[in-house]
Amino acid sequence: MTTTTTSEVFTPEELAKRYDTTPPALAALRHKGKGPRFFKLGRRVYYRLEDVLAYERDAIQERTA
């Protein structure tokens, strides 16, 4: 079993800084089923680094339209 360190997870506040947005905007994405995968421990929301990187990789666009 592996242990996740705090550097491998983001809180909504930390991820909002990375994306230059707000935690409520991330909450709206979660509600719509969009954005990076997340998990909850109790009421707290967390994003794993690997899920954030996968979301970013999948968002790369080769061209517009």
PDB file of N, CA and C in Angstrom:
ATOM      1  N   MET A   1       0.841  -1.178   0.000  1.00  0.00           N
ATOM      2  CA  MET A   1       0.000   0.000   0.000  1.00  0.00           C
ATOM      3  C   MET A   1       0.886   1.242   0.000  1.00  0.00           C
ATOM      4  N   THR A   2       0.537   2.219  -0.838  1.00  0.00           N
ATOM      5  CA  THR A   2       1.316   3.450  -0.892  1.00  0.00           C
ATOM      6  C   THR A   2       0.602   4.547  -0.133  1.00  0.00           C
ATOM      7  N   THR A   3       1.370   5.475   0.344  1.00  0.00           N
ATOM      8  CA  THR A   3       0.828   6.608   1.078  1.00  0.00           C
ATOM      9  C   THR A   3       0.919   7.849   0.211  1.00  0.00           C
ATOM     10  N   THR A   4      -0.153   8.616   0.160  1.00  0.00           N
ATOM     11  CA  THR A   4      -0.155   9.859  -0.601  1.00  0.00           C
ATOM     12  C   THR A   4       0.336  10.980   0.297  1.00  0.00           C
ATOM     13  N   THR A   5       1.296  11.738  -0.191  1.00  0.00           N
ATOM     14  CA  THR A   5       1.774  12.875   0.578  1.00  0.00           C
ATOM     15  C   THR A   5       0.976  14.104   0.191  1.00  0.00           C
ATOM     16  N   THR A   6       1.040  15.134   1.002  1.00  0.00           N
ATOM     17  CA  THR A   6       0.264  16.334   0.720  1.00  0.00           C
ATOM     18  C   THR A   6       0.675  16.992  -0.581  1.00  0.00           C
ATOM     19  N   SER A   7       1.898  16.785  -1.045  1.00  0.00           N
ATOM     20  CA  SER A   7       2.328  17.384  -2.304  1.00  0.00           C
ATOM     21  C   SER A   7       1.688  16.694  -3.502  1.00  0.00           C
ATOM     22  N   GLU A   8       1.057  15.540  -3.312  1.00  0.00           N
ATOM     23  CA  GLU A   8       0.434  14.808  -4.404  1.00  0.00           C
ATOM     24  C   GLU A   8      -1.061  15.061  -4.502  1.00  0.00           C
ATOM     25  N   VAL A   9      -1.598  15.908  -3.656  1.00  0.00           N
ATOM     26  CA  VAL A   9      -3.019  16.253  -3.722  1.00  0.00           C
ATOM     27  C   VAL A   9      -3.184  17.766  -3.647  1.00  0.00           C
ATOM     28  N   PHE A  10      -4.260  18.237  -4.247  1.00  0.00           N
ATOM     29  CA  PHE A  10      -4.603  19.654  -4.209  1.00  0.00           C
ATOM     30  C   PHE A  10      -5.930  19.820  -3.494  1.00  0.00           C
ATOM     31  N   THR A  11      -6.044  20.856  -2.718  1.00  0.00           N
ATOM     32  CA  THR A  11      -7.346  21.281  -2.219  1.00  0.00           C
ATOM     33  C   THR A  11      -7.973  22.144  -3.314  1.00  0.00           C
ATOM     34  N   PRO A  12      -9.273  22.414  -3.242  1.00  0.00           N
ATOM     35  CA  PRO A  12      -9.868  23.315  -4.233  1.00  0.00           C
ATOM     36  C   PRO A  12      -9.195  24.691  -4.254  1.00  0.00           C
ATOM     37  N   GLU A  13      -8.773  25.167  -3.106  1.00  0.00           N
ATOM     38  CA  GLU A  13      -8.099  26.467  -3.047  1.00  0.00           C
ATOM     39  C   GLU A  13      -6.767  26.437  -3.792  1.00  0.00           C
ATOM     40  N   GLU A  14      -6.012  25.362  -3.605  1.00  0.00           N
ATOM     41  CA  GLU A  14      -4.722  25.228  -4.289  1.00  0.00           C
ATOM     42  C   GLU A  14      -4.902  25.070  -5.795  1.00  0.00           C
ATOM     43  N   LEU A  15      -5.876  24.261  -6.195  1.00  0.00           N
ATOM     44  CA  LEU A  15      -6.103  24.057  -7.620  1.00  0.00           C
ATOM     45  C   LEU A  15      -6.639  25.324  -8.276  1.00  0.00           C
ATOM     46  N   ALA A  16      -7.446  26.077  -7.557  1.00  0.00           N
ATOM     47  CA  ALA A  16      -7.960  27.341  -8.092  1.00  0.00           C
ATOM     48  C   ALA A  16      -6.807  28.291  -8.404  1.00  0.00           C
ATOM     49  N   LYS A  17      -5.794  28.327  -7.551  1.00  0.00           N
ATOM     50  CA  LYS A  17      -4.619  29.168  -7.823  1.00  0.00           C
ATOM     51  C   LYS A  17      -3.894  28.686  -9.073  1.00  0.00           C
ATOM     52  N   ARG A  18      -3.758  27.394  -9.224  1.00  0.00           N
ATOM     53  CA  ARG A  18      -3.076  26.821 -10.395  1.00  0.00           C
ATOM     54  C   ARG A  18      -3.796  27.211 -11.682  1.00  0.00           C
ATOM     55  N   TYR A  19      -5.133  27.239 -11.634  1.00  0.00           N
ATOM     56  CA  TYR A  19      -5.942  27.525 -12.820  1.00  0.00           C
ATOM     57  C   TYR A  19      -6.402  28.976 -12.893  1.00  0.00           C
ATOM     58  N   ASP A  20      -5.939  29.811 -11.987  1.00  0.00           N
ATOM     59  CA  ASP A  20      -6.336  31.222 -11.962  1.00  0.00           C
ATOM     60  C   ASP A  20      -7.855  31.365 -11.984  1.00  0.00           C
ATOM     61  N   THR A  21      -8.504  30.654 -11.077  1.00  0.00           N
ATOM     62  CA  THR A  21      -9.954  30.690 -10.946  1.00  0.00           C
ATOM     63  C   THR A  21     -10.302  30.683  -9.466  1.00  0.00           C
ATOM     64  N   THR A  22     -11.531  30.365  -9.131  1.00  0.00           N
ATOM     65  CA  THR A  22     -11.964  30.377  -7.738  1.00  0.00           C
ATOM     66  C   THR A  22     -12.455  28.995  -7.317  1.00  0.00           C
ATOM     67  N   PRO A  23     -12.426  28.705  -6.019  1.00  0.00           N
ATOM     68  CA  PRO A  23     -12.994  27.441  -5.551  1.00  0.00           C
ATOM     69  C   PRO A  23     -14.471  27.270  -5.942  1.00  0.00           C
ATOM     70  N   PRO A  24     -15.309  28.333  -5.895  1.00  0.00           N
ATOM     71  CA  PRO A  24     -16.695  28.141  -6.352  1.00  0.00           C
ATOM     72  C   PRO A  24     -16.796  27.761  -7.836  1.00  0.00           C
ATOM     73  N   ALA A  25     -15.883  28.264  -8.654  1.00  0.00           N
ATOM     74  CA  ALA A  25     -15.881  27.877 -10.073  1.00  0.00           C
ATOM     75  C   ALA A  25     -15.550  26.392 -10.219  1.00  0.00           C
ATOM     76  N   LEU A  26     -14.625  25.897  -9.415  1.00  0.00           N
ATOM     77  CA  LEU A  26     -14.312  24.467  -9.435  1.00  0.00           C
ATOM     78  C   LEU A  26     -15.499  23.651  -8.935  1.00  0.00           C
ATOM     79  N   ALA A  27     -16.203  24.160  -7.930  1.00  0.00           N
ATOM     80  CA  ALA A  27     -17.399  23.476  -7.426  1.00  0.00           C
ATOM     81  C   ALA A  27     -18.454  23.378  -8.521  1.00  0.00           C
ATOM     82  N   ALA A  28     -18.598  24.431  -9.313  1.00  0.00           N
ATOM     83  CA  ALA A  28     -19.560  24.416 -10.419  1.00  0.00           C
ATOM     84  C   ALA A  28     -19.171  23.358 -11.450  1.00  0.00           C
ATOM     85  N   LEU A  29     -17.879  23.241 -11.740  1.00  0.00           N
ATOM     86  CA  LEU A  29     -17.419  22.203 -12.664  1.00  0.00           C
ATOM     87  C   LEU A  29     -17.723  20.811 -12.113  1.00  0.00           C
ATOM     88  N   ARG A  30     -17.468  20.603 -10.822  1.00  0.00           N
ATOM     89  CA  ARG A  30     -17.763  19.297 -10.210  1.00  0.00           C
ATOM     90  C   ARG A  30     -19.248  18.986 -10.328  1.00  0.00           C
ATOM     91  N   HIS A  31     -20.089  19.979 -10.074  1.00  0.00           N
ATOM     92  CA  HIS A  31     -21.541  19.796 -10.135  1.00  0.00           C
ATOM     93  C   HIS A  31     -21.986  19.403 -11.545  1.00  0.00           C
ATOM     94  N   LYS A  32     -21.316  19.950 -12.560  1.00  0.00           N
ATOM     95  CA  LYS A  32     -21.649  19.662 -13.961  1.00  0.00           C
ATOM     96  C   LYS A  32     -20.994  18.376 -14.467  1.00  0.00           C
ATOM     97  N   GLY A  33     -20.162  17.755 -13.617  1.00  0.00           N
ATOM     98  CA  GLY A  33     -19.466  16.547 -14.040  1.00  0.00           C
ATOM     99  C   GLY A  33     -18.282  16.831 -14.939  1.00  0.00           C
ATOM    100  N   LYS A  34     -17.751  18.035 -14.840  1.00  0.00           N
ATOM    101  CA  LYS A  34     -16.603  18.434 -15.654  1.00  0.00           C
ATOM    102  C   LYS A  34     -15.414  18.708 -14.739  1.00  0.00           C
ATOM    103  N   GLY A  35     -14.283  19.025 -15.349  1.00  0.00           N
ATOM    104  CA  GLY A  35     -13.093  19.320 -14.561  1.00  0.00           C
ATOM    105  C   GLY A  35     -12.352  18.056 -14.189  1.00  0.00           C
ATOM    106  N   PRO A  36     -11.273  18.203 -13.431  1.00  0.00           N
ATOM    107  CA  PRO A  36     -10.475  17.042 -13.021  1.00  0.00           C
ATOM    108  C   PRO A  36     -11.261  16.128 -12.087  1.00  0.00           C
ATOM    109  N   ARG A  37     -10.921  14.847 -12.116  1.00  0.00           N
ATOM    110  CA  ARG A  37     -11.514  13.912 -11.155  1.00  0.00           C
ATOM    111  C   ARG A  37     -11.145  14.365  -9.754  1.00  0.00           C
ATOM    112  N   PHE A  38     -11.990  14.038  -8.800  1.00  0.00           N
ATOM    113  CA  PHE A  38     -11.765  14.442  -7.414  1.00  0.00           C
ATOM    114  C   PHE A  38     -12.238  13.334  -6.489  1.00  0.00           C
ATOM    115  N   PHE A  39     -11.880  13.457  -5.227  1.00  0.00           N
ATOM    116  CA  PHE A  39     -12.417  12.549  -4.218  1.00  0.00           C
ATOM    117  C   PHE A  39     -12.747  13.355  -2.981  1.00  0.00           C
ATOM    118  N   LYS A  40     -13.590  12.776  -2.149  1.00  0.00           N
ATOM    119  CA  LYS A  40     -14.008  13.454  -0.928  1.00  0.00           C
ATOM    120  C   LYS A  40     -13.658  12.592   0.275  1.00  0.00           C
ATOM    121  N   LEU A  41     -13.192  13.246   1.309  1.00  0.00           N
ATOM    122  CA  LEU A  41     -13.008  12.626   2.619  1.00  0.00           C
ATOM    123  C   LEU A  41     -13.888  13.425   3.558  1.00  0.00           C
ATOM    124  N   GLY A  42     -14.997  12.836   3.955  1.00  0.00           N
ATOM    125  CA  GLY A  42     -15.979  13.609   4.708  1.00  0.00           C
ATOM    126  C   GLY A  42     -16.559  14.662   3.785  1.00  0.00           C
ATOM    127  N   ARG A  43     -16.483  15.899   4.213  1.00  0.00           N
ATOM    128  CA  ARG A  43     -16.987  17.000   3.392  1.00  0.00           C
ATOM    129  C   ARG A  43     -15.906  17.664   2.550  1.00  0.00           C
ATOM    130  N   ARG A  44     -14.672  17.280   2.769  1.00  0.00           N
ATOM    131  CA  ARG A  44     -13.556  17.929   2.069  1.00  0.00           C
ATOM    132  C   ARG A  44     -13.320  17.295   0.700  1.00  0.00           C
ATOM    133  N   VAL A  45     -13.014  18.152  -0.261  1.00  0.00           N
ATOM    134  CA  VAL A  45     -12.749  17.735  -1.636  1.00  0.00           C
ATOM    135  C   VAL A  45     -11.250  17.822  -1.894  1.00  0.00           C
ATOM    136  N   TYR A  46     -10.729  16.824  -2.595  1.00  0.00           N
ATOM    137  CA  TYR A  46      -9.320  16.802  -2.957  1.00  0.00           C
ATOM    138  C   TYR A  46      -9.169  16.356  -4.409  1.00  0.00           C
ATOM    139  N   TYR A  47      -8.096  16.809  -5.030  1.00  0.00           N
ATOM    140  CA  TYR A  47      -7.751  16.425  -6.392  1.00  0.00           C
ATOM    141  C   TYR A  47      -6.374  15.776  -6.362  1.00  0.00           C
ATOM    142  N   ARG A  48      -6.261  14.572  -6.902  1.00  0.00           N
ATOM    143  CA  ARG A  48      -4.957  13.913  -6.977  1.00  0.00           C
ATOM    144  C   ARG A  48      -4.152  14.520  -8.116  1.00  0.00           C
ATOM    145  N   LEU A  49      -2.864  14.661  -7.911  1.00  0.00           N
ATOM    146  CA  LEU A  49      -1.982  15.222  -8.929  1.00  0.00           C
ATOM    147  C   LEU A  49      -2.115  14.471 -10.246  1.00  0.00           C
ATOM    148  N   GLU A  50      -2.145  13.151 -10.197  1.00  0.00           N
ATOM    149  CA  GLU A  50      -2.232  12.372 -11.441  1.00  0.00           C
ATOM    150  C   GLU A  50      -3.523  12.665 -12.198  1.00  0.00           C
ATOM    151  N   ASP A  51      -4.626  12.935 -11.485  1.00  0.00           N
ATOM    152  CA  ASP A  51      -5.884  13.268 -12.145  1.00  0.00           C
ATOM    153  C   ASP A  51      -5.847  14.671 -12.739  1.00  0.00           C
ATOM    154  N   VAL A  52      -5.201  15.596 -12.046  1.00  0.00           N
ATOM    155  CA  VAL A  52      -5.048  16.962 -12.557  1.00  0.00           C
ATOM    156  C   VAL A  52      -4.205  16.936 -13.831  1.00  0.00           C
ATOM    157  N   LEU A  53      -3.108  16.197 -13.809  1.00  0.00           N
ATOM    158  CA  LEU A  53      -2.242  16.110 -14.989  1.00  0.00           C
ATOM    159  C   LEU A  53      -2.963  15.445 -16.159  1.00  0.00           C
ATOM    160  N   ALA A  54      -3.762  14.415 -15.886  1.00  0.00           N
ATOM    161  CA  ALA A  54      -4.528  13.755 -16.948  1.00  0.00           C
ATOM    162  C   ALA A  54      -5.556  14.710 -17.538  1.00  0.00           C
ATOM    163  N   TYR A  55      -6.227  15.480 -16.696  1.00  0.00           N
ATOM    164  CA  TYR A  55      -7.202  16.467 -17.168  1.00  0.00           C
ATOM    165  C   TYR A  55      -6.523  17.500 -18.059  1.00  0.00           C
ATOM    166  N   GLU A  56      -5.369  17.968 -17.639  1.00  0.00           N
ATOM    167  CA  GLU A  56      -4.635  18.959 -18.424  1.00  0.00           C
ATOM    168  C   GLU A  56      -4.158  18.360 -19.749  1.00  0.00           C
ATOM    169  N   ARG A  57      -3.680  17.137 -19.708  1.00  0.00           N
ATOM    170  CA  ARG A  57      -3.215  16.472 -20.927  1.00  0.00           C
ATOM    171  C   ARG A  57      -4.375  16.307 -21.915  1.00  0.00           C
ATOM    172  N   ASP A  58      -5.538  15.915 -21.422  1.00  0.00           N
ATOM    173  CA  ASP A  58      -6.703  15.714 -22.285  1.00  0.00           C
ATOM    174  C   ASP A  58      -7.263  17.025 -22.819  1.00  0.00           C
ATOM    175  N   ALA A  59      -6.930  18.133 -22.183  1.00  0.00           N
ATOM    176  CA  ALA A  59      -7.450  19.439 -22.600  1.00  0.00           C
ATOM    177  C   ALA A  59      -6.595  20.097 -23.679  1.00  0.00           C
ATOM    178  N   ILE A  60      -5.465  19.504 -24.009  1.00  0.00           N
ATOM    179  CA  ILE A  60      -4.580  20.093 -25.022  1.00  0.00           C
ATOM    180  C   ILE A  60      -5.284  20.085 -26.370  1.00  0.00           C
ATOM    181  N   GLN A  61      -5.270  21.231 -27.014  1.00  0.00           N
ATOM    182  CA  GLN A  61      -5.907  21.397 -28.325  1.00  0.00           C
ATOM    183  C   GLN A  61      -4.830  21.554 -29.394  1.00  0.00           C
ATOM    184  N   GLU A  62      -5.013  20.866 -30.494  1.00  0.00           N
ATOM    185  CA  GLU A  62      -4.087  20.983 -31.618  1.00  0.00           C
ATOM    186  C   GLU A  62      -4.442  22.176 -32.496  1.00  0.00           C
ATOM    187  N   ARG A  63      -5.727  22.507 -32.537  1.00  0.00           N
ATOM    188  CA  ARG A  63      -6.188  23.636 -33.342  1.00  0.00           C
ATOM    189  C   ARG A  63      -7.530  24.114 -32.801  1.00  0.00           C
ATOM    190  N   THR A  64      -7.960  25.269 -33.241  1.00  0.00           N
ATOM    191  CA  THR A  64      -9.270  25.774 -32.844  1.00  0.00           C
ATOM    192  C   THR A  64     -10.293  25.384 -33.897  1.00  0.00           C
ATOM    193  N   ALA A  65     -11.526  25.279 -33.464  1.00  0.00           N
ATOM    194  CA  ALA A  65     -12.663  24.940 -34.336  1.00  0.00           C
ATOM    195  C   ALA A  65     -12.491  23.686 -35.057  1.00  0.00           C
TER     196      ALA A  65
END
